[in-house]
Structures are given as structure tokens and as C-alpha cells.
């Protein structure tokens, strides 16, 4: 692999970890009152927000957008890794 793909893979992994942290924090601090929660929310919202607009929460409470985002990130990482 080259440094460009390594960097992109690393950034996508960090984004995945951020989305997982967001999911966990949504149970602990659902209104993002903590500064760490706000930072994680702000960093992941550009990815999760558009997906949420396309796939609204089920029953108004179950948000599938983080799971879909993680799935799409994994597909993107696989495409990048196969291209090298």
C-alpha cells in the first residue's frame, strides 16, 4: 500500500471509532451535554446526518443511520484495499 491509501484507511477507521463512540454516548449522554460528546457528535454528524435524512428512525426512536454509515465505511475501505 502507499501512504495515501494508508492515510485514507486510517481516517476511515477513526471515523468508524467515532461513530461507535457516538452510539455508546447516546445511551450515556443522549443530549450531548458533555464537551467530549459534543466533539464526537460534531465530527460524525456530517456522515450520519445525511443518512438519517434518507432513512428516518424506525418508530421515531431507533436510529439505524450509524449502523448504515459503518456499513458504508466498511465497503469503502474494502474498495480502497482491493484497488491497491
Protein backbone atom coordinates (compact mmCIF):
# COMPACT_ATOMS: atom_id res chain seq x y z
CA UNK A 1 0.00 0.00 0.00
CA UNK A 2 1.04 3.56 -0.43
CA UNK A 3 0.91 6.39 2.05
CA UNK A 4 -2.27 7.89 0.51
CA UNK A 5 -4.27 4.70 0.95
CA UNK A 6 -2.83 4.17 4.41
CA UNK A 7 -3.88 7.68 5.41
CA UNK A 8 -7.37 7.25 3.99
CA UNK A 9 -7.76 3.88 5.70
CA UNK A 10 -6.65 5.41 9.00
CA UNK A 11 -9.09 8.31 8.66
CA UNK A 12 -11.94 5.94 7.86
CA UNK A 13 -11.03 3.78 10.87
CA UNK A 14 -11.01 6.86 13.13
CA UNK A 15 -14.41 7.85 11.73
CA UNK A 16 -15.74 4.36 12.44
CA UNK A 17 -14.49 4.54 16.02
CA UNK A 18 -16.09 7.97 16.35
CA UNK A 19 -19.43 6.65 15.15
CA UNK A 20 -19.23 3.72 17.59
CA UNK A 21 -18.38 6.16 20.39
CA UNK A 22 -21.36 8.27 19.35
CA UNK A 23 -23.67 5.27 19.64
CA UNK A 24 -22.35 4.39 23.09
CA UNK A 25 -22.51 8.00 24.26
CA UNK A 26 -26.10 8.29 23.04
CA UNK A 27 -27.05 5.91 25.85
CA UNK A 28 -24.92 7.67 28.47
CA UNK A 29 -25.37 11.32 27.45
CA UNK A 30 -28.29 11.45 24.97
CA UNK A 31 -28.38 15.26 24.78
CA UNK A 32 -24.60 15.66 24.30
CA UNK A 33 -24.12 17.95 27.29
CA UNK A 34 -20.54 16.79 27.83
CA UNK A 35 -17.85 18.53 25.74
CA UNK A 36 -16.45 15.20 24.54
CA UNK A 37 -19.93 14.12 23.45
CA UNK A 38 -20.34 17.39 21.54
CA UNK A 39 -17.00 16.96 19.77
CA UNK A 40 -17.80 13.38 18.73
CA UNK A 41 -21.29 14.44 17.61
CA UNK A 42 -19.87 17.34 15.56
CA UNK A 43 -17.25 15.12 13.90
CA UNK A 44 -19.65 12.33 12.96
CA UNK A 45 -22.78 14.33 12.09
CA UNK A 46 -21.61 15.16 8.52
CA UNK A 47 -21.66 11.41 7.80
CA UNK A 48 -24.61 10.26 9.91
CA UNK A 49 -26.91 13.25 9.29
CA UNK A 50 -27.47 12.78 5.54
CA UNK A 51 -28.11 9.07 6.05
CA UNK A 52 -30.65 9.89 8.77
CA UNK A 53 -32.50 12.17 6.35
CA UNK A 54 -32.72 9.30 3.85
CA UNK A 55 -33.58 6.64 6.44
CA UNK A 56 -35.59 8.17 9.28
CA UNK A 57 -35.56 6.48 12.71
CA UNK A 58 -37.80 3.42 12.99
CA UNK A 59 -40.80 4.10 15.17
CA UNK A 60 -39.33 7.54 15.81
CA UNK A 61 -36.76 6.17 18.26
CA UNK A 62 -34.46 3.55 16.69
CA UNK A 63 -31.83 5.32 14.60
CA UNK A 64 -30.24 3.00 12.06
CA UNK A 65 -28.10 5.69 10.44
CA UNK A 66 -24.91 4.93 12.46
CA UNK A 67 -25.13 1.26 11.50
CA UNK A 68 -25.65 2.15 7.84
CA UNK A 69 -22.74 4.62 8.00
CA UNK A 70 -20.45 1.95 9.46
CA UNK A 71 -21.54 -0.48 6.76
CA UNK A 72 -20.81 2.05 4.00
CA UNK A 73 -17.44 2.95 5.52
CA UNK A 74 -16.52 -0.74 5.59
CA UNK A 75 -17.48 -1.13 1.93
CA UNK A 76 -15.39 1.93 1.06
CA UNK A 77 -12.40 0.56 2.97
CA UNK A 78 -12.71 -2.78 1.15
CA UNK A 79 -12.85 -0.99 -2.21
CA UNK A 80 -9.75 1.03 -1.34
CA UNK A 81 -7.85 -2.04 -0.17
CA UNK A 82 -8.71 -4.06 -3.28
CA UNK A 83 -7.64 -1.23 -5.54
CA UNK A 84 -4.06 -1.34 -4.25
